[in-house]
């Protein structure tokens, strides 16, 4: 067992309470910094057809099949069982068979799902939105006689097992989920007087943790890919919870090496802008000059490419125009967003040029950014457009806050919601932002989420069933009947790292921890408790972990206990 396994398991327990621990067997193995954990089902959701003694699936399994297994689950032809493992995981399924039947492999169908509806789906059914895109999650398997076998590699919480045999009865000893995650400690933490916010913080952290596979993925079921623009909220969460992680640089380099500087990363112009912004963020937090120098040639060419796509004071990108999916059919919103992101990227480029002692590049970037600031596109009353403009100081933060608050959680999106919260913070609306976090992200948890979703339409939740139940008559199936754009129905990912924004936001603004200058040598700590009575937590830095506790006093002021690692100076 590795040094941090106990910490990781304890934190998972804190997130998902005792439901996932009581019947759990842990067999850790290591593979390049990863832990493999075997999970016993927490409940049998339903059975269909001839299945006997299904309650034995809830008993821990030793990990070794024997010739004498007294507690087995028997499947006759047509038998099916749907299991719940209590939380979303990245991995597969282990199935253990006893000496039952003849020695021929027993044929089963395995269907994994992020919801009960997905686990009950059929990819072969005409019109179904269920897919095997990116990871195969609905397929036939062969289970060996008196042996164990492992199948699948996807993101899921539920598993359906259908026996496909014609005549023999088959006895199964155990079905366990195989969870694969990075063996890293949760250095950052957050607790406050509102337990709902605590659960949201932990769920965002766990969402990103699952997506920290060989690369920093967008999703663990679908979009097991490195999407640079989507990575920005993830990178912020990685730094907030886990500190400086090599998987971030590895992912940035992977896309850079596959994309000429004259092209756009992932074919989307804003994603190249986000790559520049992430590079700026990494140097601010960690001060890794060697890594920044390694980007200098590419950075110079990319920034010049950005400048070549400007038309005076306006952005004029010809290809890959995108901000987020809900605004994809709104050209005014895309234009406003690209204008703001271009300013941000060019000003970040100017900063990095200073750090790299490149005066020529600094002058080009500063001049182009100043020209862009002369023109402020109409935000058309759109929350995303208003937020991005306000963050760059191109729109009054109070005006942007009024738009965001008037639109409410109905206009939030999982990705851009983070930037809406940042705009509200800039306008001083901390209590209102926490209320929106509780409503929007908290509603996913109310519906059974253990990780945050690729997108979430708040209106759909009004008559929605929970994702961990068979949808009752008259209720909305938020997975099968929801979604839009590229994530229609069951193709929708229910574990998407870009949805983790509240984790970073709560640590940055409620705990009030923000680096000043380069590499966390100096830090400003300004807590904003809003309606909270207290908040406490930790934040990883290159010098160690900052620990804080803030409490409201009788006169309404905040008393703080701050512990800084050696080498960090607190400034006002």
Protein backbone atom coordinates (compact mmCIF):
# COMPACT_ATOMS: atom_id res chain seq x y z
CA UNK A 1 0.00 0.00 0.00
CA UNK A 2 1.40 3.38 -0.96
CA UNK A 3 2.06 6.31 1.29
CA UNK A 4 -1.04 8.27 0.35
CA UNK A 5 -3.61 5.53 -0.23
CA UNK A 6 -5.14 5.90 3.21
CA UNK A 7 -5.46 9.67 2.74
CA UNK A 8 -7.15 9.28 -0.63
CA UNK A 9 -9.58 6.67 0.62
CA UNK A 10 -10.44 8.73 3.69
CA UNK A 11 -11.19 11.74 1.53
CA UNK A 12 -13.39 9.70 -0.80
CA UNK A 13 -15.25 8.55 2.29
CA UNK A 14 -15.78 12.13 3.38
CA UNK A 15 -17.28 12.95 0.01
CA UNK A 16 -19.60 10.01 -0.33
CA UNK A 17 -20.17 9.19 3.33
CA UNK A 18 -20.34 5.58 4.46
CA UNK A 19 -22.28 4.21 1.49
CA UNK A 20 -19.13 3.36 -0.46
CA UNK A 21 -16.98 2.12 2.44
CA UNK A 22 -18.94 -0.46 4.36
CA UNK A 23 -18.83 -3.17 1.70
CA UNK A 24 -15.61 -2.19 0.00
CA UNK A 25 -12.58 -4.39 -0.56
CA UNK A 26 -9.32 -2.57 -1.31
CA UNK A 27 -6.53 -4.33 -3.17
CA UNK A 28 -4.04 -1.62 -4.15
CA UNK A 29 -1.59 -2.17 -6.98
CA UNK A 30 0.66 0.43 -8.53
CA UNK A 31 1.12 1.34 -12.17
CA UNK A 32 3.08 4.53 -12.82
CA UNK A 33 1.60 6.35 -9.84
CA UNK A 34 -1.90 4.86 -10.09
CA UNK A 35 -3.89 2.86 -7.56
CA UNK A 36 -6.25 0.06 -8.51
CA UNK A 37 -9.07 -0.35 -5.98
CA UNK A 38 -11.70 -3.11 -6.08
CA UNK A 39 -15.15 -1.97 -4.96
CA UNK A 40 -18.03 -4.14 -3.76
CA UNK A 41 -21.49 -3.00 -4.91
CA UNK A 42 -23.38 -0.90 -2.38
CA UNK A 43 -26.81 -2.08 -3.54
CA UNK A 44 -28.68 -4.17 -6.07
CA UNK A 45 -30.86 -1.70 -7.98
CA UNK A 46 -33.00 -4.38 -9.63
CA UNK A 47 -33.06 -7.89 -10.99
CA UNK A 48 -34.91 -9.31 -13.97
CA UNK A 49 -35.70 -12.91 -14.75
CA UNK A 50 -34.26 -15.90 -12.88
CA UNK A 51 -31.55 -14.57 -10.54
CA UNK A 52 -31.20 -16.16 -7.08
CA UNK A 53 -29.41 -14.92 -3.94
CA UNK A 54 -28.42 -11.57 -5.48
CA UNK A 55 -27.81 -10.21 -1.96
CA UNK A 56 -24.49 -12.09 -1.95
CA UNK A 57 -23.16 -9.49 -4.41
CA UNK A 58 -23.10 -7.04 -1.47
CA UNK A 59 -20.70 -9.22 0.57
CA UNK A 60 -16.97 -8.49 0.40
CA UNK A 61 -14.96 -10.87 -1.78
CA UNK A 62 -11.58 -12.21 -0.65
CA UNK A 63 -9.96 -11.78 -4.07
CA UNK A 64 -9.37 -15.52 -4.52
CA UNK A 65 -11.88 -17.95 -6.00
CA UNK A 66 -12.03 -21.44 -4.47
CA UNK A 67 -13.48 -24.83 -5.36
CA UNK A 68 -16.00 -24.45 -2.54
CA UNK A 69 -17.94 -21.19 -2.74
CA UNK A 70 -21.07 -21.39 -0.57
CA UNK A 71 -22.42 -17.90 -1.23
CA UNK A 72 -23.04 -17.57 -4.94
CA UNK A 73 -25.53 -15.74 -7.13
CA UNK A 74 -27.23 -18.05 -9.62
CA UNK A 75 -28.22 -16.95 -13.11
CA UNK A 76 -30.53 -18.98 -15.31
CA UNK A 77 -31.14 -18.06 -18.96
CA UNK A 78 -32.64 -14.57 -19.18
CA UNK A 79 -31.39 -13.51 -15.75
CA UNK A 80 -30.17 -9.94 -15.32
CA UNK A 81 -28.95 -7.77 -12.44
CA UNK A 82 -28.22 -4.05 -12.13
CA UNK A 83 -25.61 -3.05 -9.54
CA UNK A 84 -24.77 0.31 -7.97
CA UNK A 85 -21.18 0.95 -6.80
CA UNK A 86 -22.16 4.07 -4.92
CA UNK A 87 -19.98 6.59 -6.74
CA UNK A 88 -18.63 7.39 -10.19
CA UNK A 89 -15.32 5.69 -10.98
CA UNK A 90 -12.86 5.35 -13.87
CA UNK A 91 -12.07 1.74 -14.64
CA UNK A 92 -13.76 -1.57 -15.33
CA UNK A 93 -15.46 -4.65 -13.87
CA UNK A 94 -14.16 -7.90 -12.34
CA UNK A 95 -16.44 -10.96 -12.55
CA UNK A 96 -15.70 -14.17 -10.63
CA UNK A 97 -17.35 -17.50 -11.50
CA UNK A 98 -17.51 -20.70 -9.48
CA UNK A 99 -17.42 -24.34 -10.66
CA UNK A 100 -21.01 -24.17 -11.92
CA UNK A 101 -22.11 -25.50 -15.30
CA UNK A 102 -19.80 -26.97 -17.88
CA UNK A 103 -16.28 -25.69 -18.43
CA UNK A 104 -17.13 -23.56 -21.42
CA UNK A 105 -16.89 -19.79 -20.85
CA UNK A 106 -20.25 -18.34 -19.84
CA UNK A 107 -21.60 -15.63 -22.11
CA UNK A 108 -22.82 -12.40 -20.52
CA UNK A 109 -23.61 -8.91 -21.70
CA UNK A 110 -22.10 -6.09 -19.66
CA UNK A 111 -23.53 -2.58 -19.81
CA UNK A 112 -21.90 0.22 -17.79
CA UNK A 113 -23.67 3.47 -17.03
CA UNK A 114 -23.19 6.82 -15.33
CA UNK A 115 -26.90 6.67 -14.52
CA UNK A 116 -29.43 3.89 -14.04
CA UNK A 117 -30.99 4.89 -17.36
CA UNK A 118 -27.68 4.51 -19.18
CA UNK A 119 -26.98 1.13 -17.59
CA UNK A 120 -30.42 -0.05 -18.76
CA UNK A 121 -29.88 1.22 -22.32
CA UNK A 122 -29.03 -0.66 -25.51
CA UNK A 123 -26.54 0.78 -27.98
CA UNK A 124 -27.96 -1.49 -30.68
CA UNK A 125 -31.48 -0.11 -30.37
CA UNK A 126 -32.47 2.16 -33.25
CA UNK A 127 -32.79 5.75 -32.09
CA UNK A 128 -30.92 5.19 -28.82
CA UNK A 129 -28.57 7.98 -27.75
CA UNK A 130 -26.41 5.46 -25.87
CA UNK A 131 -22.99 5.02 -27.46
CA UNK A 132 -19.68 3.25 -27.20
CA UNK A 133 -17.89 6.45 -28.22
CA UNK A 134 -14.40 6.87 -26.73
CA UNK A 135 -14.88 3.91 -24.38
CA UNK A 136 -16.78 0.67 -24.95
CA UNK A 137 -19.42 0.37 -22.24
CA UNK A 138 -22.00 -2.02 -23.75
CA UNK A 139 -20.56 -5.34 -24.97
CA UNK A 140 -20.58 -9.13 -24.67
CA UNK A 141 -18.06 -10.95 -22.50
CA UNK A 142 -16.96 -14.50 -21.72
CA UNK A 143 -16.58 -15.45 -18.04
CA UNK A 144 -14.21 -18.38 -17.42
CA UNK A 145 -15.13 -21.48 -15.41
CA UNK A 146 -13.68 -21.35 -11.87
CA UNK A 147 -11.87 -18.10 -12.49
CA UNK A 148 -11.93 -14.34 -12.49
CA UNK A 149 -11.71 -11.98 -15.44
CA UNK A 150 -11.67 -8.21 -15.84
CA UNK A 151 -13.43 -6.22 -18.54
CA UNK A 152 -13.96 -2.65 -19.65
CA UNK A 153 -12.37 0.75 -19.29
CA UNK A 154 -14.84 3.58 -18.92
CA UNK A 155 -16.45 6.04 -16.54
CA UNK A 156 -19.45 4.60 -14.69
CA UNK A 157 -21.27 4.04 -11.43
CA UNK A 158 -23.76 1.34 -12.45
CA UNK A 159 -23.28 -2.03 -14.16
CA UNK A 160 -25.87 -4.33 -15.69
CA UNK A 161 -25.04 -8.00 -16.20
CA UNK A 162 -27.29 -10.09 -18.51
CA UNK A 163 -26.80 -13.86 -18.77
CA UNK A 164 -26.91 -14.91 -22.43
CA UNK A 165 -26.70 -18.68 -21.99
CA UNK A 166 -29.42 -20.95 -23.38
CA UNK A 167 -29.75 -23.77 -20.86
CA UNK A 168 -27.10 -24.01 -18.12
CA UNK A 169 -27.43 -22.27 -14.78
CA UNK A 170 -24.30 -20.26 -13.92
CA UNK A 171 -23.08 -19.33 -10.43
CA UNK A 172 -21.23 -16.04 -9.96
CA UNK A 173 -19.17 -15.47 -6.83
CA UNK A 174 -18.60 -11.72 -7.12
CA UNK A 175 -18.89 -8.66 -9.35
CA UNK A 176 -16.59 -5.82 -8.36
CA UNK A 177 -15.78 -2.45 -9.89
CA UNK A 178 -12.13 -1.72 -10.63
CA UNK A 179 -11.36 1.90 -9.84
CA UNK A 180 -8.13 3.40 -11.22
CA UNK A 181 -6.96 6.79 -9.95
CA UNK A 182 -3.75 8.68 -9.30
CA UNK A 183 -2.08 8.07 -5.96
CA UNK A 184 -1.85 11.70 -4.86
CA UNK A 185 -2.84 13.42 -1.61
CA UNK A 186 -5.56 16.05 -1.32
CA UNK A 187 -3.35 18.87 -0.05
CA UNK A 188 -6.03 21.52 -0.45
CA UNK A 189 -9.16 21.45 1.66
CA UNK A 190 -12.27 23.49 2.39
CA UNK A 191 -14.78 23.41 5.22
CA UNK A 192 -17.36 25.97 6.25
CA UNK A 193 -20.60 26.36 8.20
CA UNK A 194 -22.63 25.33 5.13
CA UNK A 195 -22.36 21.56 4.64
CA UNK A 196 -23.81 21.78 1.14
CA UNK A 197 -20.90 23.95 0.00
CA UNK A 198 -18.47 21.50 1.61
CA UNK A 199 -19.93 18.64 -0.41
CA UNK A 200 -19.80 20.71 -3.60
CA UNK A 201 -16.11 21.52 -3.03
CA UNK A 202 -15.27 17.85 -2.48
CA UNK A 203 -17.32 16.70 -5.48
CA UNK A 204 -15.49 19.14 -7.76
CA UNK A 205 -12.15 17.92 -6.43
CA UNK A 206 -13.11 14.27 -6.97
CA UNK A 207 -14.39 15.02 -10.49
CA UNK A 208 -10.99 16.37 -11.52
CA UNK A 209 -9.11 13.63 -9.67
CA UNK A 210 -10.84 10.98 -11.79
CA UNK A 211 -9.92 12.87 -14.97
CA UNK A 212 -6.22 12.96 -14.02
CA UNK A 213 -5.38 9.80 -15.92
CA UNK A 214 -2.30 9.44 -18.18
CA UNK A 215 -3.26 12.92 -19.40
CA UNK A 216 -5.70 15.48 -18.03
CA UNK A 217 -8.91 14.36 -19.69
CA UNK A 218 -12.13 16.21 -20.23
CA UNK A 219 -14.31 13.25 -19.25
CA UNK A 220 -13.83 9.62 -18.21
CA UNK A 221 -16.66 8.08 -20.24
CA UNK A 222 -16.76 10.36 -23.26
CA UNK A 223 -14.19 13.00 -24.21
CA UNK A 224 -11.30 11.00 -22.84
CA UNK A 225 -9.27 13.62 -24.69
CA UNK A 226 -7.05 16.63 -24.01
CA UNK A 227 -9.20 19.66 -24.83
CA UNK A 228 -7.04 22.65 -23.97
CA UNK A 229 -9.81 25.21 -23.52
CA UNK A 230 -11.77 22.90 -21.28
CA UNK A 231 -8.61 22.37 -19.22
CA UNK A 232 -8.48 25.87 -17.72
CA UNK A 233 -10.98 25.26 -14.86
CA UNK A 234 -9.41 21.82 -14.38
CA UNK A 235 -5.91 23.27 -14.10
CA UNK A 236 -7.17 25.73 -11.49
CA UNK A 237 -8.73 22.88 -9.51
CA UNK A 238 -5.62 20.70 -9.80
CA UNK A 239 -3.54 23.52 -8.34
CA UNK A 240 -6.08 24.25 -5.61
CA UNK A 241 -6.43 20.64 -4.46
CA UNK A 242 -3.30 18.74 -5.50
CA UNK A 243 -0.69 21.44 -6.09
CA UNK A 244 1.82 21.36 -8.92
CA UNK A 245 1.20 18.20 -10.97
CA UNK A 246 3.23 17.06 -13.97
CA UNK A 247 0.11 15.78 -15.76
CA UNK A 248 -0.81 19.42 -16.49
CA UNK A 249 2.45 20.16 -18.29
CA UNK A 250 2.35 16.78 -20.03
CA UNK A 251 -1.10 17.59 -21.42
CA UNK A 252 -0.18 21.12 -22.48
CA UNK A 253 2.91 19.80 -24.26
CA UNK A 254 0.99 16.98 -25.91
CA UNK A 255 -1.37 19.35 -27.70
CA UNK A 256 1.39 21.86 -28.46
CA UNK A 257 3.55 19.21 -30.09
CA UNK A 258 0.66 18.15 -32.31
CA UNK A 259 -0.42 21.66 -33.34
CA UNK A 260 1.65 24.06 -35.46
CA UNK A 261 1.65 27.57 -33.98
CA UNK A 262 -0.03 28.75 -37.18
CA UNK A 263 -3.03 26.51 -36.44
CA UNK A 264 -5.50 26.42 -33.56
CA UNK A 265 -5.32 23.83 -30.82
CA UNK A 266 -8.11 21.27 -31.13
CA UNK A 267 -9.18 23.27 -34.21
CA UNK A 268 -10.64 26.04 -32.00
CA UNK A 269 -9.15 29.53 -31.86
CA UNK A 270 -10.17 30.19 -28.25
CA UNK A 271 -8.41 27.01 -27.16
CA UNK A 272 -5.06 28.39 -28.29
CA UNK A 273 -5.91 31.52 -26.29
CA UNK A 274 -6.62 29.36 -23.26
CA UNK A 275 -3.25 27.59 -23.71
CA UNK A 276 -1.52 30.97 -23.42
CA UNK A 277 -3.61 31.86 -20.37
CA UNK A 278 -2.81 28.53 -18.66
CA UNK A 279 0.93 29.02 -19.28
CA UNK A 280 0.70 32.42 -17.60
CA UNK A 281 -1.16 30.94 -14.66
CA UNK A 282 1.39 28.14 -14.17
CA UNK A 283 4.30 30.55 -13.98
CA UNK A 284 2.44 32.84 -11.59
CA UNK A 285 1.74 29.96 -9.20
CA UNK A 286 4.91 27.91 -9.51
CA UNK A 287 7.62 30.14 -11.00
CA UNK A 288 9.06 27.37 -13.17
CA UNK A 289 11.24 29.47 -15.48
CA UNK A 290 12.83 26.47 -17.18
CA UNK A 291 9.43 25.23 -18.30
CA UNK A 292 8.40 28.70 -19.47
CA UNK A 293 11.64 29.05 -21.46
CA UNK A 294 10.88 25.74 -23.16
CA UNK A 295 7.66 27.33 -24.48
CA UNK A 296 9.26 30.55 -25.69
CA UNK A 297 9.66 29.78 -29.42
CA UNK A 298 6.17 28.34 -29.75
CA UNK A 299 4.70 31.10 -27.60
CA UNK A 300 6.27 33.79 -29.80
CA UNK A 301 4.85 32.24 -32.98
CA UNK A 302 1.42 31.64 -31.46
CA UNK A 303 1.10 35.17 -30.13
CA UNK A 304 2.06 36.54 -33.53
CA UNK A 305 -0.60 34.29 -35.06
CA UNK A 306 -3.17 35.73 -32.64
CA UNK A 307 -2.15 39.28 -33.57
CA UNK A 308 -2.43 38.45 -37.28
CA UNK A 309 -6.09 37.53 -36.69
CA UNK A 310 -7.04 40.95 -35.37
CA UNK A 311 -8.68 43.66 -37.43
CA UNK A 312 -7.65 46.89 -35.78
CA UNK A 313 -9.52 46.99 -32.45
CA UNK A 314 -11.62 43.89 -33.16
CA UNK A 315 -10.95 40.18 -33.08
CA UNK A 316 -11.41 38.63 -36.52
CA UNK A 317 -10.71 34.92 -36.19
CA UNK A 318 -11.85 33.14 -39.30
CA UNK A 319 -11.93 29.57 -38.04
CA UNK A 320 -12.81 27.64 -34.91
CA UNK A 321 -14.97 30.35 -33.35
CA UNK A 322 -16.21 28.90 -30.06
CA UNK A 323 -16.79 29.90 -26.43
CA UNK A 324 -19.05 27.16 -25.09
CA UNK A 325 -21.82 24.94 -26.47
CA UNK A 326 -24.85 26.84 -25.12
CA UNK A 327 -23.61 29.99 -26.93
CA UNK A 328 -22.60 28.17 -30.09
CA UNK A 329 -25.54 29.57 -32.08
CA UNK A 330 -25.08 33.10 -30.72
CA UNK A 331 -22.47 34.92 -32.84
CA UNK A 332 -22.69 38.10 -30.73
CA UNK A 333 -21.79 36.14 -27.59
CA UNK A 334 -18.92 34.36 -29.35
CA UNK A 335 -17.60 37.71 -30.61
CA UNK A 336 -17.72 39.30 -27.16
CA UNK A 337 -16.09 36.27 -25.58
CA UNK A 338 -13.29 36.11 -28.13
CA UNK A 339 -12.64 39.83 -27.76
CA UNK A 340 -12.25 39.45 -24.00
CA UNK A 341 -10.15 36.26 -24.22
CA UNK A 342 -7.87 37.88 -26.81
CA UNK A 343 -7.18 40.77 -24.44
CA UNK A 344 -6.48 38.33 -21.64
CA UNK A 345 -4.16 36.16 -23.75
CA UNK A 346 -2.22 39.10 -25.18
CA UNK A 347 -1.74 40.73 -21.79
CA UNK A 348 -0.64 37.35 -20.43
CA UNK A 349 1.74 37.15 -23.40
CA UNK A 350 3.16 40.56 -22.56
CA UNK A 351 3.81 39.43 -18.97
CA UNK A 352 5.51 36.26 -20.13
CA UNK A 353 7.62 38.22 -22.62
CA UNK A 354 8.89 40.31 -19.68
CA UNK A 355 9.72 37.17 -17.72
CA UNK A 356 11.53 35.84 -20.82
CA UNK A 357 13.36 39.14 -21.46
CA UNK A 358 11.77 39.48 -24.90
CA UNK A 359 11.09 43.21 -25.27
CA UNK A 360 10.00 42.96 -28.89
CA UNK A 361 7.28 40.43 -28.09
CA UNK A 362 6.20 42.39 -25.02
CA UNK A 363 5.74 45.53 -27.09
CA UNK A 364 3.73 43.70 -29.80
CA UNK A 365 1.40 42.07 -27.27
CA UNK A 366 0.91 45.22 -25.20
CA UNK A 367 0.14 47.32 -28.27
CA UNK A 368 -2.35 44.79 -29.66
CA UNK A 369 -4.10 44.38 -26.30
CA UNK A 370 -4.39 48.14 -25.82
CA UNK A 371 -5.94 48.45 -29.28
CA UNK A 372 -8.47 45.71 -28.51
CA UNK A 373 -9.48 47.47 -25.30
CA UNK A 374 -10.73 50.40 -27.35
CA UNK A 375 -13.68 48.34 -28.56
CA UNK A 376 -16.17 46.64 -26.25
CA UNK A 377 -18.70 44.40 -27.99
CA UNK A 378 -22.35 44.35 -26.93
CA UNK A 379 -22.91 41.65 -24.32
CA UNK A 380 -26.55 41.29 -25.52
CA UNK A 381 -27.63 40.57 -21.95
CA UNK A 382 -25.85 37.22 -22.01
CA UNK A 383 -24.26 35.98 -18.79
CA UNK A 384 -21.21 34.41 -20.46
CA UNK A 385 -20.43 37.45 -22.58
CA UNK A 386 -20.93 39.85 -19.66
CA UNK A 387 -18.77 37.74 -17.35
CA UNK A 388 -15.79 37.44 -19.71
CA UNK A 389 -15.86 41.16 -20.49
CA UNK A 390 -16.13 42.07 -16.79
CA UNK A 391 -13.25 39.82 -15.76
CA UNK A 392 -11.02 41.77 -18.17
CA UNK A 393 -12.30 45.13 -16.91
CA UNK A 394 -14.02 45.84 -20.24
CA UNK A 395 -17.46 45.97 -18.62
CA UNK A 396 -18.38 47.36 -15.23
CA UNK A 397 -18.46 44.43 -12.82
CA UNK A 398 -21.67 45.65 -11.21
CA UNK A 399 -23.40 45.81 -14.58
CA UNK A 400 -22.22 42.30 -15.38
CA UNK A 401 -23.37 41.09 -11.95
CA UNK A 402 -26.87 42.47 -12.54
CA UNK A 403 -27.09 40.52 -15.80
CA UNK A 404 -25.81 37.31 -14.22
CA UNK A 405 -28.07 37.57 -11.17
CA UNK A 406 -31.10 38.45 -13.29
CA UNK A 407 -30.51 35.44 -15.54
CA UNK A 408 -29.97 33.24 -12.50
CA UNK A 409 -29.01 29.56 -12.40
CA UNK A 410 -31.22 28.93 -15.45
CA UNK A 411 -28.49 30.53 -17.60
CA UNK A 412 -25.53 28.88 -15.90
CA UNK A 413 -23.43 26.26 -17.68
CA UNK A 414 -21.06 23.74 -16.14
CA UNK A 415 -18.01 25.18 -17.95
CA UNK A 416 -18.67 28.91 -18.14
CA UNK A 417 -20.36 28.95 -14.74
CA UNK A 418 -16.90 29.34 -13.19
CA UNK A 419 -16.36 32.61 -15.02
CA UNK A 420 -19.81 33.85 -14.04
CA UNK A 421 -18.78 33.28 -10.42
CA UNK A 422 -15.51 35.13 -11.00
CA UNK A 423 -17.42 38.12 -12.42
CA UNK A 424 -19.74 38.13 -9.39
CA UNK A 425 -16.69 38.12 -7.11
CA UNK A 426 -15.26 41.08 -9.00
CA UNK A 427 -18.55 42.88 -8.36
CA UNK A 428 -18.39 42.02 -4.64
CA UNK A 429 -21.36 39.63 -4.76
CA UNK A 430 -19.89 36.80 -2.73
CA UNK A 431 -23.03 35.73 -0.87
CA UNK A 432 -25.02 35.72 -4.11
CA UNK A 433 -22.32 33.65 -5.81
CA UNK A 434 -22.39 31.07 -3.02
CA UNK A 435 -26.17 30.92 -3.31
CA UNK A 436 -25.87 30.19 -7.04
CA UNK A 437 -23.23 27.53 -6.37
CA UNK A 438 -25.61 25.90 -3.91
CA UNK A 439 -28.51 26.04 -6.34
CA UNK A 440 -26.77 25.03 -9.57
CA UNK A 441 -24.05 22.57 -8.59
CA UNK A 442 -25.96 21.48 -5.49
CA UNK A 443 -28.94 20.51 -7.61
CA UNK A 444 -26.80 17.97 -9.45
CA UNK A 445 -25.95 16.41 -6.10
CA UNK A 446 -29.65 16.43 -5.19
CA UNK A 447 -30.24 14.35 -8.32
CA UNK A 448 -27.69 11.75 -7.22
CA UNK A 449 -24.50 13.10 -8.81
CA UNK A 450 -21.19 12.07 -7.24
CA UNK A 451 -19.25 13.95 -9.94
CA UNK A 452 -20.21 17.08 -11.88
CA UNK A 453 -21.64 16.93 -15.37
CA UNK A 454 -20.59 18.12 -18.80
CA UNK A 455 -23.61 20.39 -18.83
CA UNK A 456 -26.65 20.91 -16.65
CA UNK A 457 -29.87 22.60 -17.67
CA UNK A 458 -31.30 23.90 -14.40
CA UNK A 459 -34.83 24.03 -15.84
CA UNK A 460 -34.73 20.30 -16.59
CA UNK A 461 -34.25 19.54 -12.91
CA UNK A 462 -37.69 20.79 -11.88
CA UNK A 463 -39.43 17.49 -12.63
CA UNK A 464 -36.41 15.24 -12.96
CA UNK A 465 -35.89 11.86 -11.36
CA UNK A 466 -32.64 11.02 -9.61
CA UNK A 467 -29.96 9.40 -11.75
CA UNK A 468 -29.64 6.50 -9.28
CA UNK A 469 -33.22 5.27 -9.72
CA UNK A 470 -35.39 3.83 -12.45
CA UNK A 471 -37.26 6.86 -13.77
CA UNK A 472 -40.85 6.80 -12.43
CA UNK A 473 -43.81 7.46 -14.68
CA UNK A 474 -44.34 11.20 -15.15
CA UNK A 475 -40.77 12.16 -14.20
CA UNK A 476 -38.19 13.67 -16.55
CA UNK A 477 -35.20 11.46 -17.37
CA UNK A 478 -32.43 14.02 -17.10
CA UNK A 479 -29.89 11.73 -18.75
CA UNK A 480 -31.77 10.01 -21.56
CA UNK A 481 -34.07 12.93 -22.41
CA UNK A 482 -31.70 15.80 -21.60
CA UNK A 483 -28.56 17.16 -23.21
CA UNK A 484 -27.94 19.10 -26.42
CA UNK A 485 -25.36 19.79 -29.09
CA UNK A 486 -22.70 17.05 -29.00
CA UNK A 487 -23.93 15.65 -25.68
CA UNK A 488 -27.49 14.63 -26.55
CA UNK A 489 -29.11 12.12 -24.23
CA UNK A 490 -27.04 9.26 -22.87
CA UNK A 491 -23.95 10.46 -24.74
CA UNK A 492 -23.84 13.21 -22.11
CA UNK A 493 -20.83 12.86 -19.80
CA UNK A 494 -21.60 12.87 -16.08
CA UNK A 495 -17.97 13.34 -15.02
CA UNK A 496 -16.46 16.39 -16.72
CA UNK A 497 -13.50 18.22 -15.19
CA UNK A 498 -14.49 21.59 -16.63
CA UNK A 499 -17.46 21.61 -14.23
CA UNK A 500 -15.26 21.82 -11.12
CA UNK A 501 -15.16 25.64 -10.93
CA UNK A 502 -16.73 26.01 -7.44
CA UNK A 503 -13.82 24.12 -5.87
CA UNK A 504 -11.31 26.74 -6.99
CA UNK A 505 -13.72 29.63 -6.44
CA UNK A 506 -14.50 28.73 -2.82
CA UNK A 507 -10.83 28.36 -1.92
CA UNK A 508 -9.80 31.53 -3.70
CA UNK A 509 -12.59 33.83 -2.59
CA UNK A 510 -14.10 32.43 0.63
CA UNK A 511 -10.78 31.37 2.12
CA UNK A 512 -9.36 34.43 0.32
CA UNK A 513 -6.03 32.87 -0.65
CA UNK A 514 -4.37 34.49 -3.66
CA UNK A 515 -0.71 34.63 -4.73
CA UNK A 516 0.91 37.99 -5.29
CA UNK A 517 3.80 38.12 -7.71
CA UNK A 518 5.52 34.91 -8.83
CA UNK A 519 5.58 31.46 -7.27
CA UNK A 520 3.60 32.16 -4.08
CA UNK A 521 6.51 33.98 -2.47
CA UNK A 522 3.95 36.51 -1.38
CA UNK A 523 0.29 35.86 -0.66
CA UNK A 524 -2.74 38.02 0.03
CA UNK A 525 -5.42 36.54 2.29
CA UNK A 526 -8.74 38.36 2.26
CA UNK A 527 -11.63 36.11 3.37
CA UNK A 528 -15.16 36.80 2.14
CA UNK A 529 -17.55 34.79 4.23
CA UNK A 530 -20.79 36.23 2.91
CA UNK A 531 -23.52 34.63 5.05
CA UNK A 532 -21.19 31.94 6.44
CA UNK A 533 -20.32 31.84 10.13
CA UNK A 534 -16.87 30.34 9.57
CA UNK A 535 -14.64 28.77 6.96
CA UNK A 536 -11.34 26.93 7.13
CA UNK A 537 -9.06 25.08 4.79
CA UNK A 538 -5.67 24.61 3.23
CA UNK A 539 -3.98 25.55 -0.03
CA UNK A 540 -0.87 23.91 -1.56
CA UNK A 541 2.06 26.08 -2.64
CA UNK A 542 5.66 25.39 -3.76
CA UNK A 543 6.72 26.15 -0.15
CA UNK A 544 4.18 23.93 1.58
CA UNK A 545 0.54 24.13 2.60
CA UNK A 546 -1.12 27.35 3.74
CA UNK A 547 -3.70 26.77 6.50
CA UNK A 548 -6.40 29.26 7.47
CA UNK A 549 -9.47 29.53 9.66
CA UNK A 550 -11.82 32.51 9.52
CA UNK A 551 -14.67 33.19 11.98
CA UNK A 552 -17.22 35.95 12.21
CA UNK A 553 -17.14 37.75 15.52
CA UNK A 554 -20.06 39.30 17.42
CA UNK A 555 -19.52 42.68 15.75
CA UNK A 556 -19.55 41.15 12.25
CA UNK A 557 -15.83 41.40 11.62
CA UNK A 558 -13.77 38.34 10.69
CA UNK A 559 -11.06 36.93 12.93
CA UNK A 560 -8.47 34.83 11.12
CA UNK A 561 -5.92 32.25 12.18
CA UNK A 562 -3.33 31.96 9.40
CA UNK A 563 -0.40 29.54 9.22
CA UNK A 564 2.07 30.18 6.39
CA UNK A 565 4.93 27.89 5.37
CA UNK A 566 8.44 29.25 5.72
CA UNK A 567 9.34 31.30 2.65
CA UNK A 568 5.91 32.87 2.09
CA UNK A 569 5.20 36.45 3.10
CA UNK A 570 1.70 37.76 3.69
CA UNK A 571 1.02 41.15 2.12
CA UNK A 572 -1.96 43.49 2.17
